[in-house]
Amino acid sequence: MIRHVVVFRLAADDPADRQRDATEIRRRLEALVDVVPGLRGLEVRPDLGVEGHWDLALVTLHDTGDDLAVYAADPRHREVIAYCDTVVAERAVVDSDLEV
């Protein structure tokens, strides 16, 4: 089982704008569940608002690395990434094998 974790630092300075952008990212990502092949599970959660933390975290689960690659390349997922590129200042990714 592969866990794909992405954390986002949103570009907006205004807290209301950051919340709006986080909500829209979450809506778009959650729309991929049961639609994109290779995606076994997905959670998107905002940070609790702690200063210095990243704004939003995505965790997805995939049976195999190949399934993660299918998810990553899917055009619907790529559309979400294109949207994120308009509202995200930074992102960091960690992929881990849960069976190691």
C-alpha atoms as a PDB file:
ATOM      1  CA  MET A   1       0.000   0.000   0.000  1.00  0.00           C
ATOM      2  CA  ILE A   2       1.359   3.416  -0.987  1.00  0.00           C
ATOM      3  CA  ARG A   3       0.558   6.590   0.940  1.00  0.00           C
ATOM      4  CA  HIS A   4       0.870   9.824  -1.052  1.00  0.00           C
ATOM      5  CA  VAL A   5       1.009  12.947   1.125  1.00  0.00           C
ATOM      6  CA  VAL A   6       0.946  16.488  -0.234  1.00  0.00           C
ATOM      7  CA  VAL A   7       0.988  19.627   1.888  1.00  0.00           C
ATOM      8  CA  PHE A   8       0.082  23.002   0.445  1.00  0.00           C
ATOM      9  CA  ARG A   9       0.978  26.558   1.375  1.00  0.00           C
ATOM     10  CA  LEU A  10      -1.658  28.740  -0.210  1.00  0.00           C
ATOM     11  CA  ALA A  11      -0.704  31.969  -1.975  1.00  0.00           C
ATOM     12  CA  ALA A  12      -3.476  34.245  -0.663  1.00  0.00           C
ATOM     13  CA  ASP A  13      -2.583  36.623   2.164  1.00  0.00           C
ATOM     14  CA  ASP A  14      -6.151  37.169   3.334  1.00  0.00           C
ATOM     15  CA  PRO A  15      -7.444  34.394   5.655  1.00  0.00           C
ATOM     16  CA  ALA A  16     -10.881  34.393   3.988  1.00  0.00           C
ATOM     17  CA  ASP A  17      -9.272  33.963   0.570  1.00  0.00           C
ATOM     18  CA  ARG A  18      -7.076  31.126   1.895  1.00  0.00           C
ATOM     19  CA  GLN A  19     -10.138  29.394   3.332  1.00  0.00           C
ATOM     20  CA  ARG A  20     -12.010  29.800   0.030  1.00  0.00           C
ATOM     21  CA  ASP A  21      -9.063  28.372  -1.923  1.00  0.00           C
ATOM     22  CA  ALA A  22      -8.635  25.462   0.507  1.00  0.00           C
ATOM     23  CA  THR A  23     -12.334  24.637   0.236  1.00  0.00           C
ATOM     24  CA  GLU A  24     -12.169  24.666  -3.551  1.00  0.00           C
ATOM     25  CA  ILE A  25      -9.067  22.453  -3.637  1.00  0.00           C
ATOM     26  CA  ARG A  26     -10.797  20.014  -1.303  1.00  0.00           C
ATOM     27  CA  ARG A  27     -13.968  20.000  -3.407  1.00  0.00           C
ATOM     28  CA  ARG A  28     -12.028  19.313  -6.604  1.00  0.00           C
ATOM     29  CA  LEU A  29      -9.890  16.571  -5.064  1.00  0.00           C
ATOM     30  CA  GLU A  30     -12.811  14.814  -3.392  1.00  0.00           C
ATOM     31  CA  ALA A  31     -14.593  14.749  -6.757  1.00  0.00           C
ATOM     32  CA  LEU A  32     -11.875  12.332  -7.955  1.00  0.00           C
ATOM     33  CA  VAL A  33     -12.941   9.589  -5.517  1.00  0.00           C
ATOM     34  CA  ASP A  34     -14.607   6.654  -7.301  1.00  0.00           C
ATOM     35  CA  VAL A  35     -13.730   8.303 -10.627  1.00  0.00           C
ATOM     36  CA  VAL A  36      -9.950   8.123 -11.064  1.00  0.00           C
ATOM     37  CA  PRO A  37      -8.428   4.655 -11.420  1.00  0.00           C
ATOM     38  CA  GLY A  38      -5.748   3.695  -8.932  1.00  0.00           C
ATOM     39  CA  LEU A  39      -7.175   5.871  -6.143  1.00  0.00           C
ATOM     40  CA  ARG A  40      -8.078   3.713  -3.151  1.00  0.00           C
ATOM     41  CA  GLY A  41      -8.691   6.466  -0.607  1.00  0.00           C
ATOM     42  CA  LEU A  42      -8.407  10.232  -0.267  1.00  0.00           C
ATOM     43  CA  GLU A  43      -8.562  12.762   2.570  1.00  0.00           C
ATOM     44  CA  VAL A  44      -8.079  16.513   2.382  1.00  0.00           C
ATOM     45  CA  ARG A  45      -7.884  18.486   5.616  1.00  0.00           C
ATOM     46  CA  PRO A  46      -7.004  22.066   6.518  1.00  0.00           C
ATOM     47  CA  ASP A  47      -4.486  22.841   9.230  1.00  0.00           C
ATOM     48  CA  LEU A  48      -5.826  23.961  12.592  1.00  0.00           C
ATOM     49  CA  GLY A  49      -4.432  27.430  11.905  1.00  0.00           C
ATOM     50  CA  VAL A  50      -1.144  27.112  13.738  1.00  0.00           C
ATOM     51  CA  GLU A  51       1.318  29.837  12.738  1.00  0.00           C
ATOM     52  CA  GLY A  52       4.080  28.494  10.527  1.00  0.00           C
ATOM     53  CA  HIS A  53       2.217  25.319   9.533  1.00  0.00           C
ATOM     54  CA  TRP A  54       1.232  24.463   5.992  1.00  0.00           C
ATOM     55  CA  ASP A  55      -2.377  25.356   5.134  1.00  0.00           C
ATOM     56  CA  LEU A  56      -3.759  22.107   3.763  1.00  0.00           C
ATOM     57  CA  ALA A  57      -2.859  18.416   3.591  1.00  0.00           C
ATOM     58  CA  LEU A  58      -3.863  15.742   1.093  1.00  0.00           C
ATOM     59  CA  VAL A  59      -3.408  12.037   1.818  1.00  0.00           C
ATOM     60  CA  THR A  60      -4.207   9.431  -0.820  1.00  0.00           C
ATOM     61  CA  LEU A  61      -3.856   5.653  -0.717  1.00  0.00           C
ATOM     62  CA  HIS A  62      -2.942   3.399  -3.635  1.00  0.00           C
ATOM     63  CA  ASP A  63      -2.491  -0.370  -3.748  1.00  0.00           C
ATOM     64  CA  THR A  64       0.760  -0.121  -5.723  1.00  0.00           C
ATOM     65  CA  GLY A  65       3.244   2.377  -7.097  1.00  0.00           C
ATOM     66  CA  ASP A  66       1.753   1.713 -10.521  1.00  0.00           C
ATOM     67  CA  ASP A  67      -1.669   2.725  -9.183  1.00  0.00           C
ATOM     68  CA  LEU A  68      -0.164   5.958  -7.869  1.00  0.00           C
ATOM     69  CA  ALA A  69       1.324   6.609 -11.323  1.00  0.00           C
ATOM     70  CA  VAL A  70      -2.091   6.038 -12.955  1.00  0.00           C
ATOM     71  CA  TYR A  71      -3.687   8.497 -10.505  1.00  0.00           C
ATOM     72  CA  ALA A  72      -0.918  11.050 -11.050  1.00  0.00           C
ATOM     73  CA  ALA A  73      -1.278  10.925 -14.845  1.00  0.00           C
ATOM     74  CA  ASP A  74      -5.071  10.902 -15.012  1.00  0.00           C
ATOM     75  CA  PRO A  75      -6.346  13.985 -16.922  1.00  0.00           C
ATOM     76  CA  ARG A  76      -8.939  14.753 -14.230  1.00  0.00           C
ATOM     77  CA  HIS A  77      -6.213  14.788 -11.587  1.00  0.00           C
ATOM     78  CA  ARG A  78      -4.039  16.936 -13.877  1.00  0.00           C
ATOM     79  CA  GLU A  79      -6.932  19.443 -14.091  1.00  0.00           C
ATOM     80  CA  VAL A  80      -6.961  19.737 -10.302  1.00  0.00           C
ATOM     81  CA  ILE A  81      -3.199  20.275 -10.311  1.00  0.00           C
ATOM     82  CA  ALA A  82      -3.611  23.039 -12.914  1.00  0.00           C
ATOM     83  CA  TYR A  83      -6.138  24.760 -10.628  1.00  0.00           C
ATOM     84  CA  CYS A  84      -3.850  24.322  -7.606  1.00  0.00           C
ATOM     85  CA  ASP A  85      -1.038  25.985  -9.521  1.00  0.00           C
ATOM     86  CA  THR A  86      -3.165  29.166  -9.582  1.00  0.00           C
ATOM     87  CA  VAL A  87      -3.702  29.348  -5.795  1.00  0.00           C
ATOM     88  CA  VAL A  88      -0.775  27.470  -4.210  1.00  0.00           C
ATOM     89  CA  ALA A  89       2.537  29.153  -3.369  1.00  0.00           C
ATOM     90  CA  GLU A  90       4.375  25.985  -2.314  1.00  0.00           C
ATOM     91  CA  ARG A  91       3.757  22.274  -2.115  1.00  0.00           C
ATOM     92  CA  ALA A  92       5.730  19.366  -0.675  1.00  0.00           C
ATOM     93  CA  VAL A  93       5.200  15.672  -1.390  1.00  0.00           C
ATOM     94  CA  VAL A  94       6.126  12.438   0.372  1.00  0.00           C
ATOM     95  CA  ASP A  95       5.273   8.996  -1.006  1.00  0.00           C
ATOM     96  CA  SER A  96       5.788   6.063   1.338  1.00  0.00           C
ATOM     97  CA  ASP A  97       5.326   2.322   1.234  1.00  0.00           C
ATOM     98  CA  LEU A  98       3.208   1.334   4.218  1.00  0.00           C
ATOM     99  CA  GLU A  99       4.431  -2.254   4.051  1.00  0.00           C
ATOM    100  CA  VAL A 100       8.100  -1.442   4.654  1.00  0.00           C
END
